[in-house]
Amino acid sequence: TGRGAQQGITAGGPRGVGSYVVDMLPKTKLELVVRDEDTQ
């Protein structure tokens, strides 16, 4: 989970409660090690 320039999202709460901010969003991190010539 994380945030960047997006800085989360504002979501509507249950009726009468108002909105709330979710500032840590689910993301997927990929990790791979490659030869120099395969980097680009």
PDB file of all heavy atoms in Angstrom:
ATOM      1  N   THR A   1       0.870  -1.179   0.000  1.00  0.00           N
ATOM      2  CA  THR A   1       0.000   0.000   0.000  1.00  0.00           C
ATOM      3  C   THR A   1       0.900   1.219   0.000  1.00  0.00           C
ATOM      4  O   THR A   1       2.024   1.182   0.500  1.00  0.00           O
ATOM      5  CB  THR A   1      -0.937   0.056   1.230  1.00  0.00           C
ATOM      6  OG1 THR A   1      -0.143   0.025   2.417  1.00  0.00           O
ATOM      7  CG2 THR A   1      -1.902  -1.101   1.241  1.00  0.00           C
ATOM      8  N   GLY A   2       0.418   2.286  -0.581  1.00  0.00           N
ATOM      9  CA  GLY A   2       1.227   3.489  -0.620  1.00  0.00           C
ATOM     10  C   GLY A   2       0.480   4.634  -1.261  1.00  0.00           C
ATOM     11  O   GLY A   2      -0.698   4.526  -1.596  1.00  0.00           O
ATOM     12  N   ARG A   3       1.185   5.716  -1.424  1.00  0.00           N
ATOM     13  CA  ARG A   3       0.620   6.877  -2.104  1.00  0.00           C
ATOM     14  C   ARG A   3       1.737   7.663  -2.746  1.00  0.00           C
ATOM     15  O   ARG A   3       2.886   7.611  -2.333  1.00  0.00           O
ATOM     16  CB  ARG A   3      -0.181   7.762  -1.156  1.00  0.00           C
ATOM     17  CG  ARG A   3       0.659   8.505  -0.136  1.00  0.00           C
ATOM     18  CD  ARG A   3      -0.203   9.403   0.692  1.00  0.00           C
ATOM     19  NE  ARG A   3       0.635  10.299   1.470  1.00  0.00           N
ATOM     20  CZ  ARG A   3       0.179  11.112   2.374  1.00  0.00           C
ATOM     21  NH1 ARG A   3      -1.108  11.156   2.620  1.00  0.00           N
ATOM     22  NH2 ARG A   3       0.981  11.898   3.024  1.00  0.00           N
ATOM     23  N   GLY A   4       1.365   8.374  -3.784  1.00  0.00           N
ATOM     24  CA  GLY A   4       2.311   9.234  -4.488  1.00  0.00           C
ATOM     25  C   GLY A   4       1.610  10.535  -4.785  1.00  0.00           C
ATOM     26  O   GLY A   4       0.892  11.082  -3.933  1.00  0.00           O
ATOM     27  N   ALA A   5       1.749  11.018  -6.008  1.00  0.00           N
ATOM     28  CA  ALA A   5       1.114  12.269  -6.406  1.00  0.00           C
ATOM     29  C   ALA A   5      -0.403  12.179  -6.292  1.00  0.00           C
ATOM     30  O   ALA A   5      -1.083  13.182  -6.101  1.00  0.00           O
ATOM     31  CB  ALA A   5       1.514  12.628  -7.835  1.00  0.00           C
ATOM     32  N   GLN A   6      -0.924  10.960  -6.408  1.00  0.00           N
ATOM     33  CA  GLN A   6      -2.367  10.743  -6.330  1.00  0.00           C
ATOM     34  C   GLN A   6      -2.917  11.128  -4.950  1.00  0.00           C
ATOM     35  O   GLN A   6      -4.033  11.582  -4.816  1.00  0.00           O
ATOM     36  CB  GLN A   6      -2.654   9.272  -6.614  1.00  0.00           C
ATOM     37  CG  GLN A   6      -4.092   8.928  -6.811  1.00  0.00           C
ATOM     38  CD  GLN A   6      -4.256   7.459  -7.186  1.00  0.00           C
ATOM     39  OE1 GLN A   6      -3.316   6.681  -7.146  1.00  0.00           O
ATOM     40  NE2 GLN A   6      -5.449   7.099  -7.544  1.00  0.00           N
ATOM     41  N   GLN A   7      -2.130  10.934  -3.916  1.00  0.00           N
ATOM     42  CA  GLN A   7      -2.463  11.259  -2.534  1.00  0.00           C
ATOM     43  C   GLN A   7      -3.786  10.671  -2.079  1.00  0.00           C
ATOM     44  O   GLN A   7      -4.504  11.263  -1.288  1.00  0.00           O
ATOM     45  CB  GLN A   7      -2.451  12.765  -2.308  1.00  0.00           C
ATOM     46  CG  GLN A   7      -1.079  13.370  -2.497  1.00  0.00           C
ATOM     47  CD  GLN A   7      -1.069  14.850  -2.200  1.00  0.00           C
ATOM     48  OE1 GLN A   7      -1.995  15.393  -1.623  1.00  0.00           O
ATOM     49  NE2 GLN A   7      -0.008  15.511  -2.601  1.00  0.00           N
ATOM     50  N   GLY A   8      -4.130   9.497  -2.565  1.00  0.00           N
ATOM     51  CA  GLY A   8      -5.327   8.820  -2.114  1.00  0.00           C
ATOM     52  C   GLY A   8      -6.563   9.258  -2.872  1.00  0.00           C
ATOM     53  O   GLY A   8      -6.494   9.973  -3.863  1.00  0.00           O
ATOM     54  N   ILE A   9      -7.695   8.787  -2.375  1.00  0.00           N
ATOM     55  CA  ILE A   9      -8.982   9.107  -2.990  1.00  0.00           C
ATOM     56  C   ILE A   9      -9.968   9.525  -1.915  1.00  0.00           C
ATOM     57  O   ILE A   9      -9.843   9.149  -0.759  1.00  0.00           O
ATOM     58  CB  ILE A   9      -9.551   7.905  -3.780  1.00  0.00           C
ATOM     59  CG1 ILE A   9      -9.715   6.693  -2.860  1.00  0.00           C
ATOM     60  CG2 ILE A   9      -8.676   7.566  -4.966  1.00  0.00           C
ATOM     61  CD1 ILE A   9     -10.443   5.533  -3.490  1.00  0.00           C
ATOM     62  N   THR A  10     -10.947  10.317  -2.309  1.00  0.00           N
ATOM     63  CA  THR A  10     -12.028  10.693  -1.402  1.00  0.00           C
ATOM     64  C   THR A  10     -13.239   9.857  -1.755  1.00  0.00           C
ATOM     65  O   THR A  10     -13.644   9.794  -2.911  1.00  0.00           O
ATOM     66  CB  THR A  10     -12.361  12.190  -1.539  1.00  0.00           C
ATOM     67  OG1 THR A  10     -11.177  12.945  -1.245  1.00  0.00           O
ATOM     68  CG2 THR A  10     -13.457  12.593  -0.582  1.00  0.00           C
ATOM     69  N   ALA A  11     -13.779   9.189  -0.758  1.00  0.00           N
ATOM     70  CA  ALA A  11     -14.925   8.313  -0.986  1.00  0.00           C
ATOM     71  C   ALA A  11     -16.105   8.793  -0.165  1.00  0.00           C
ATOM     72  O   ALA A  11     -15.945   9.378   0.907  1.00  0.00           O
ATOM     73  CB  ALA A  11     -14.566   6.876  -0.602  1.00  0.00           C
ATOM     74  N   GLY A  12     -17.291   8.548  -0.676  1.00  0.00           N
ATOM     75  CA  GLY A  12     -18.494   8.903   0.063  1.00  0.00           C
ATOM     76  C   GLY A  12     -18.791   7.879   1.138  1.00  0.00           C
ATOM     77  O   GLY A  12     -18.677   6.678   0.909  1.00  0.00           O
ATOM     78  N   GLY A  13     -19.133   8.347   2.302  1.00  0.00           N
ATOM     79  CA  GLY A  13     -19.472   7.453   3.395  1.00  0.00           C
ATOM     80  C   GLY A  13     -20.939   7.079   3.350  1.00  0.00           C
ATOM     81  O   GLY A  13     -21.671   7.463   2.437  1.00  0.00           O
ATOM     82  N   PRO A  14     -21.389   6.329   4.346  1.00  0.00           N
ATOM     83  CA  PRO A  14     -22.812   5.988   4.419  1.00  0.00           C
ATOM     84  C   PRO A  14     -23.662   7.255   4.488  1.00  0.00           C
ATOM     85  O   PRO A  14     -23.186   8.312   4.911  1.00  0.00           O
ATOM     86  CB  PRO A  14     -22.922   5.196   5.718  1.00  0.00           C
ATOM     87  CG  PRO A  14     -21.531   4.740   6.031  1.00  0.00           C
ATOM     88  CD  PRO A  14     -20.618   5.753   5.422  1.00  0.00           C
ATOM     89  N   ARG A  15     -24.904   7.126   4.080  1.00  0.00           N
ATOM     90  CA  ARG A  15     -25.797   8.286   4.040  1.00  0.00           C
ATOM     91  C   ARG A  15     -25.785   9.035   5.376  1.00  0.00           C
ATOM     92  O   ARG A  15     -25.921   8.443   6.439  1.00  0.00           O
ATOM     93  CB  ARG A  15     -27.222   7.821   3.749  1.00  0.00           C
ATOM     94  CG  ARG A  15     -28.117   8.964   3.429  1.00  0.00           C
ATOM     95  CD  ARG A  15     -29.516   8.570   3.123  1.00  0.00           C
ATOM     96  NE  ARG A  15     -29.616   7.184   2.653  1.00  0.00           N
ATOM     97  CZ  ARG A  15     -30.673   6.690   2.067  1.00  0.00           C
ATOM     98  NH1 ARG A  15     -31.733   7.439   1.903  1.00  0.00           N
ATOM     99  NH2 ARG A  15     -30.713   5.446   1.674  1.00  0.00           N
ATOM    100  N   GLY A  16     -25.552  10.314   5.290  1.00  0.00           N
ATOM    101  CA  GLY A  16     -25.554  11.160   6.469  1.00  0.00           C
ATOM    102  C   GLY A  16     -24.226  11.246   7.189  1.00  0.00           C
ATOM    103  O   GLY A  16     -24.067  12.044   8.093  1.00  0.00           O
ATOM    104  N   VAL A  17     -23.239  10.441   6.820  1.00  0.00           N
ATOM    105  CA  VAL A  17     -21.952  10.442   7.513  1.00  0.00           C
ATOM    106  C   VAL A  17     -20.957  11.382   6.844  1.00  0.00           C
ATOM    107  O   VAL A  17     -20.083  11.921   7.481  1.00  0.00           O
ATOM    108  CB  VAL A  17     -21.364   9.009   7.597  1.00  0.00           C
ATOM    109  CG1 VAL A  17     -19.970   9.021   8.193  1.00  0.00           C
ATOM    110  CG2 VAL A  17     -22.278   8.117   8.407  1.00  0.00           C
ATOM    111  N   GLY A  18     -21.082  11.584   5.549  1.00  0.00           N
ATOM    112  CA  GLY A  18     -20.147  12.435   4.825  1.00  0.00           C
ATOM    113  C   GLY A  18     -19.107  11.604   4.098  1.00  0.00           C
ATOM    114  O   GLY A  18     -19.240  10.396   3.964  1.00  0.00           O
ATOM    115  N   SER A  19     -18.059  12.273   3.657  1.00  0.00           N
ATOM    116  CA  SER A  19     -17.024  11.572   2.897  1.00  0.00           C
ATOM    117  C   SER A  19     -15.788  11.361   3.764  1.00  0.00           C
ATOM    118  O   SER A  19     -15.634  11.965   4.822  1.00  0.00           O
ATOM    119  CB  SER A  19     -16.672  12.359   1.643  1.00  0.00           C
ATOM    120  OG  SER A  19     -16.148  13.613   1.995  1.00  0.00           O
ATOM    121  N   TYR A  20     -14.904  10.489   3.277  1.00  0.00           N
ATOM    122  CA  TYR A  20     -13.657  10.235   3.976  1.00  0.00           C
ATOM    123  C   TYR A  20     -12.555  10.035   2.942  1.00  0.00           C
ATOM    124  O   TYR A  20     -12.820   9.771   1.777  1.00  0.00           O
ATOM    125  CB  TYR A  20     -13.774   9.011   4.890  1.00  0.00           C
ATOM    126  CG  TYR A  20     -14.138   7.730   4.168  1.00  0.00           C
ATOM    127  CD1 TYR A  20     -13.160   6.826   3.773  1.00  0.00           C
ATOM    128  CD2 TYR A  20     -15.477   7.433   3.878  1.00  0.00           C
ATOM    129  CE1 TYR A  20     -13.493   5.676   3.102  1.00  0.00           C
ATOM    130  CE2 TYR A  20     -15.809   6.269   3.208  1.00  0.00           C
ATOM    131  CZ  TYR A  20     -14.804   5.390   2.833  1.00  0.00           C
ATOM    132  OH  TYR A  20     -15.140   4.243   2.166  1.00  0.00           O
ATOM    133  N   VAL A  21     -11.301  10.172   3.386  1.00  0.00           N
ATOM    134  CA  VAL A  21     -10.158  10.064   2.491  1.00  0.00           C
ATOM    135  C   VAL A  21      -9.432   8.745   2.758  1.00  0.00           C
ATOM    136  O   VAL A  21      -9.134   8.419   3.902  1.00  0.00           O
ATOM    137  CB  VAL A  21      -9.180  11.248   2.689  1.00  0.00           C
ATOM    138  CG1 VAL A  21      -7.920  11.058   1.863  1.00  0.00           C
ATOM    139  CG2 VAL A  21      -9.870  12.555   2.336  1.00  0.00           C
ATOM    140  N   VAL A  22      -9.180   7.995   1.697  1.00  0.00           N
ATOM    141  CA  VAL A  22      -8.337   6.800   1.767  1.00  0.00           C
ATOM    142  C   VAL A  22      -7.008   7.225   1.165  1.00  0.00           C
ATOM    143  O   VAL A  22      -6.905   7.424  -0.043  1.00  0.00           O
ATOM    144  CB  VAL A  22      -8.952   5.634   0.968  1.00  0.00           C
ATOM    145  CG1 VAL A  22      -8.030   4.420   1.012  1.00  0.00           C
ATOM    146  CG2 VAL A  22     -10.337   5.289   1.491  1.00  0.00           C
ATOM    147  N   ASP A  23      -5.989   7.420   2.027  1.00  0.00           N
ATOM    148  CA  ASP A  23      -4.739   7.983   1.509  1.00  0.00           C
ATOM    149  C   ASP A  23      -3.654   6.942   1.261  1.00  0.00           C
ATOM    150  O   ASP A  23      -2.599   7.269   0.739  1.00  0.00           O
ATOM    151  CB  ASP A  23      -4.217   9.096   2.408  1.00  0.00           C
ATOM    152  CG  ASP A  23      -3.758   8.610   3.764  1.00  0.00           C
ATOM    153  OD1 ASP A  23      -4.083   7.468   4.129  1.00  0.00           O
ATOM    154  OD2 ASP A  23      -3.072   9.372   4.460  1.00  0.00           O
ATOM    155  N   MET A  24      -3.886   5.692   1.587  1.00  0.00           N
ATOM    156  CA  MET A  24      -2.944   4.615   1.283  1.00  0.00           C
ATOM    157  C   MET A  24      -3.681   3.617   0.399  1.00  0.00           C
ATOM    158  O   MET A  24      -4.588   2.930   0.845  1.00  0.00           O
ATOM    159  CB  MET A  24      -2.445   3.944   2.563  1.00  0.00           C
ATOM    160  CG  MET A  24      -1.685   4.894   3.482  1.00  0.00           C
ATOM    161  SD  MET A  24      -0.157   5.532   2.768  1.00  0.00           S
ATOM    162  CE  MET A  24       0.897   4.117   2.949  1.00  0.00           C
ATOM    163  N   LEU A  25      -3.278   3.566  -0.866  1.00  0.00           N
ATOM    164  CA  LEU A  25      -3.975   2.747  -1.850  1.00  0.00           C
ATOM    165  C   LEU A  25      -3.241   1.443  -2.114  1.00  0.00           C
ATOM    166  O   LEU A  25      -2.015   1.391  -2.044  1.00  0.00           O
ATOM    167  CB  LEU A  25      -4.111   3.527  -3.157  1.00  0.00           C
ATOM    168  CG  LEU A  25      -4.894   4.834  -3.052  1.00  0.00           C
ATOM    169  CD1 LEU A  25      -4.816   5.588  -4.367  1.00  0.00           C
ATOM    170  CD2 LEU A  25      -6.336   4.549  -2.680  1.00  0.00           C
ATOM    171  N   PRO A  26      -3.972   0.387  -2.439  1.00  0.00           N
ATOM    172  CA  PRO A  26      -3.314  -0.877  -2.764  1.00  0.00           C
ATOM    173  C   PRO A  26      -2.564  -0.762  -4.087  1.00  0.00           C
ATOM    174  O   PRO A  26      -3.081  -0.215  -5.064  1.00  0.00           O
ATOM    175  CB  PRO A  26      -4.474  -1.870  -2.873  1.00  0.00           C
ATOM    176  CG  PRO A  26      -5.684  -1.044  -3.116  1.00  0.00           C
ATOM    177  CD  PRO A  26      -5.426   0.299  -2.502  1.00  0.00           C
ATOM    178  N   LYS A  27      -1.347  -1.253  -4.099  1.00  0.00           N
ATOM    179  CA  LYS A  27      -0.497  -1.274  -5.283  1.00  0.00           C
ATOM    180  C   LYS A  27       0.203  -2.622  -5.334  1.00  0.00           C
ATOM    181  O   LYS A  27       0.207  -3.373  -4.369  1.00  0.00           O
ATOM    182  CB  LYS A  27       0.556  -0.150  -5.245  1.00  0.00           C
ATOM    183  CG  LYS A  27      -0.025   1.252  -5.243  1.00  0.00           C
ATOM    184  CD  LYS A  27      -0.639   1.585  -6.572  1.00  0.00           C
ATOM    185  CE  LYS A  27      -1.209   2.997  -6.564  1.00  0.00           C
ATOM    186  NZ  LYS A  27      -1.812   3.330  -7.841  1.00  0.00           N
ATOM    187  N   THR A  28       0.819  -2.910  -6.458  1.00  0.00           N
ATOM    188  CA  THR A  28       1.605  -4.127  -6.616  1.00  0.00           C
ATOM    189  C   THR A  28       3.029  -3.725  -6.956  1.00  0.00           C
ATOM    190  O   THR A  28       3.247  -2.882  -7.828  1.00  0.00           O
ATOM    191  CB  THR A  28       1.014  -5.012  -7.737  1.00  0.00           C
ATOM    192  OG1 THR A  28      -0.315  -5.382  -7.359  1.00  0.00           O
ATOM    193  CG2 THR A  28       1.841  -6.260  -7.947  1.00  0.00           C
ATOM    194  N   LYS A  29       3.998  -4.316  -6.238  1.00  0.00           N
ATOM    195  CA  LYS A  29       5.402  -4.029  -6.508  1.00  0.00           C
ATOM    196  C   LYS A  29       6.024  -5.237  -7.201  1.00  0.00           C
ATOM    197  O   LYS A  29       5.953  -6.360  -6.718  1.00  0.00           O
ATOM    198  CB  LYS A  29       6.166  -3.727  -5.223  1.00  0.00           C
ATOM    199  CG  LYS A  29       7.639  -3.405  -5.476  1.00  0.00           C
ATOM    200  CD  LYS A  29       8.281  -2.764  -4.281  1.00  0.00           C
ATOM    201  CE  LYS A  29       8.971  -3.775  -3.424  1.00  0.00           C
ATOM    202  NZ  LYS A  29       9.832  -3.159  -2.404  1.00  0.00           N
ATOM    203  N   LEU A  30       6.607  -4.979  -8.368  1.00  0.00           N
ATOM    204  CA  LEU A  30       7.335  -5.993  -9.126  1.00  0.00           C
ATOM    205  C   LEU A  30       8.816  -5.798  -8.869  1.00  0.00           C
ATOM    206  O   LEU A  30       9.297  -4.661  -8.823  1.00  0.00           O
ATOM    207  CB  LEU A  30       7.100  -5.813 -10.630  1.00  0.00           C
ATOM    208  CG  LEU A  30       5.694  -5.611 -11.128  1.00  0.00           C
ATOM    209  CD1 LEU A  30       5.718  -5.236 -12.595  1.00  0.00           C
ATOM    210  CD2 LEU A  30       4.906  -6.875 -10.919  1.00  0.00           C
ATOM    211  N   GLU A  31       9.534  -6.886  -8.723  1.00  0.00           N
ATOM    212  CA  GLU A  31      10.979  -6.819  -8.566  1.00  0.00           C
ATOM    213  C   GLU A  31      11.606  -7.823  -9.532  1.00  0.00           C
ATOM    214  O   GLU A  31      11.238  -8.993  -9.535  1.00  0.00           O
ATOM    215  CB  GLU A  31      11.397  -7.174  -7.141  1.00  0.00           C
ATOM    216  CG  GLU A  31      10.799  -6.269  -6.091  1.00  0.00           C
ATOM    217  CD  GLU A  31      11.134  -6.701  -4.672  1.00  0.00           C
ATOM    218  OE1 GLU A  31      11.476  -7.887  -4.455  1.00  0.00           O
ATOM    219  OE2 GLU A  31      11.055  -5.851  -3.785  1.00  0.00           O
ATOM    220  N   LEU A  32      12.526  -7.353 -10.364  1.00  0.00           N
ATOM    221  CA  LEU A  32      13.262  -8.254 -11.230  1.00  0.00           C
ATOM    222  C   LEU A  32      14.678  -7.740 -11.393  1.00  0.00           C
ATOM    223  O   LEU A  32      14.912  -6.535 -11.369  1.00  0.00           O
ATOM    224  CB  LEU A  32      12.572  -8.452 -12.578  1.00  0.00           C
ATOM    225  CG  LEU A  32      12.252  -7.274 -13.475  1.00  0.00           C
ATOM    226  CD1 LEU A  32      12.129  -7.762 -14.907  1.00  0.00           C
ATOM    227  CD2 LEU A  32      10.938  -6.639 -13.073  1.00  0.00           C
ATOM    228  N   VAL A  33      15.609  -8.656 -11.507  1.00  0.00           N
ATOM    229  CA  VAL A  33      17.005  -8.300 -11.740  1.00  0.00           C
ATOM    230  C   VAL A  33      17.328  -8.725 -13.162  1.00  0.00           C
ATOM    231  O   VAL A  33      17.068  -9.867 -13.561  1.00  0.00           O
ATOM    232  CB  VAL A  33      17.941  -8.976 -10.725  1.00  0.00           C
ATOM    233  CG1 VAL A  33      19.400  -8.639 -11.040  1.00  0.00           C
ATOM    234  CG2 VAL A  33      17.589  -8.528  -9.311  1.00  0.00           C
ATOM    235  N   VAL A  34      17.875  -7.781 -13.936  1.00  0.00           N
ATOM    236  CA  VAL A  34      18.130  -8.024 -15.360  1.00  0.00           C
ATOM    237  C   VAL A  34      19.559  -7.638 -15.706  1.00  0.00           C
ATOM    238  O   VAL A  34      20.201  -6.856 -15.005  1.00  0.00           O
ATOM    239  CB  VAL A  34      17.140  -7.231 -16.247  1.00  0.00           C
ATOM    240  CG1 VAL A  34      15.706  -7.663 -15.996  1.00  0.00           C
ATOM    241  CG2 VAL A  34      17.288  -5.737 -16.034  1.00  0.00           C
ATOM    242  N   ARG A  35      20.031  -8.186 -16.814  1.00  0.00           N
ATOM    243  CA  ARG A  35      21.340  -7.788 -17.349  1.00  0.00           C
ATOM    244  C   ARG A  35      21.270  -6.324 -17.772  1.00  0.00           C
ATOM    245  O   ARG A  35      20.192  -5.819 -18.097  1.00  0.00           O
ATOM    246  CB  ARG A  35      21.683  -8.662 -18.551  1.00  0.00           C
ATOM    247  CG  ARG A  35      21.902 -10.113 -18.219  1.00  0.00           C
ATOM    248  CD  ARG A  35      22.092 -10.944 -19.487  1.00  0.00           C
ATOM    249  NE  ARG A  35      22.407 -12.314 -19.168  1.00  0.00           N
ATOM    250  CZ  ARG A  35      21.490 -13.260 -18.908  1.00  0.00           C
ATOM    251  NH1 ARG A  35      20.201 -12.960 -18.954  1.00  0.00           N
ATOM    252  NH2 ARG A  35      21.866 -14.486 -18.615  1.00  0.00           N
ATOM    253  N   ASP A  36      22.412  -5.673 -17.786  1.00  0.00           N
ATOM    254  CA  ASP A  36      22.453  -4.263 -18.183  1.00  0.00           C
ATOM    255  C   ASP A  36      21.765  -4.042 -19.525  1.00  0.00           C
ATOM    256  O   ASP A  36      21.007  -3.092 -19.697  1.00  0.00           O
ATOM    257  CB  ASP A  36      23.899  -3.751 -18.254  1.00  0.00           C
ATOM    258  CG  ASP A  36      24.528  -3.586 -16.880  1.00  0.00           C
ATOM    259  OD1 ASP A  36      23.780  -3.447 -15.892  1.00  0.00           O
ATOM    260  OD2 ASP A  36      25.770  -3.599 -16.795  1.00  0.00           O
ATOM    261  N   GLU A  37      22.029  -4.931 -20.479  1.00  0.00           N
ATOM    262  CA  GLU A  37      21.471  -4.748 -21.821  1.00  0.00           C
ATOM    263  C   GLU A  37      19.958  -4.978 -21.877  1.00  0.00           C
ATOM    264  O   GLU A  37      19.315  -4.599 -22.854  1.00  0.00           O
ATOM    265  CB  GLU A  37      22.180  -5.636 -22.843  1.00  0.00           C
ATOM    266  CG  GLU A  37      22.104  -7.118 -22.554  1.00  0.00           C
ATOM    267  CD  GLU A  37      23.280  -7.651 -21.736  1.00  0.00           C
ATOM    268  OE1 GLU A  37      23.986  -6.865 -21.073  1.00  0.00           O
ATOM    269  OE2 GLU A  37      23.479  -8.874 -21.768  1.00  0.00           O
ATOM    270  N   ASP A  38      19.368  -5.575 -20.835  1.00  0.00           N
ATOM    271  CA  ASP A  38      17.920  -5.802 -20.801  1.00  0.00           C
ATOM    272  C   ASP A  38      17.172  -4.761 -19.966  1.00  0.00           C
ATOM    273  O   ASP A  38      15.944  -4.804 -19.879  1.00  0.00           O
ATOM    274  CB  ASP A  38      17.605  -7.200 -20.249  1.00  0.00           C
ATOM    275  CG  ASP A  38      18.009  -8.303 -21.210  1.00  0.00           C
ATOM    276  OD1 ASP A  38      18.024  -8.051 -22.432  1.00  0.00           O
ATOM    277  OD2 ASP A  38      18.304  -9.422 -20.735  1.00  0.00           O
ATOM    278  N   THR A  39      17.909  -3.832 -19.373  1.00  0.00           N
ATOM    279  CA  THR A  39      17.276  -2.858 -18.472  1.00  0.00           C
ATOM    280  C   THR A  39      16.230  -2.011 -19.191  1.00  0.00           C
ATOM    281  O   THR A  39      15.088  -1.902 -18.728  1.00  0.00           O
ATOM    282  CB  THR A  39      18.348  -1.953 -17.820  1.00  0.00           C
ATOM    283  OG1 THR A  39      19.230  -2.776 -17.050  1.00  0.00           O
ATOM    284  CG2 THR A  39      17.708  -0.910 -16.916  1.00  0.00           C
ATOM    285  N   GLN A  40      16.581  -1.424 -20.311  1.00  0.00           N
ATOM    286  CA  GLN A  40      15.636  -0.557 -21.012  1.00  0.00           C
ATOM    287  C   GLN A  40      14.453  -1.363 -21.542  1.00  0.00           C
ATOM    288  O   GLN A  40      13.315  -0.884 -21.531  1.00  0.00           O
ATOM    289  CB  GLN A  40      16.312   0.214 -22.140  1.00  0.00           C
ATOM    290  CG  GLN A  40      15.473   1.364 -22.676  1.00  0.00           C
ATOM    291  CD  GLN A  40      15.135   2.386 -21.598  1.00  0.00           C
ATOM    292  OE1 GLN A  40      16.007   2.864 -20.870  1.00  0.00           O
ATOM    293  NE2 GLN A  40      13.859   2.737 -21.476  1.00  0.00           N
TER     294      GLN A  40
END
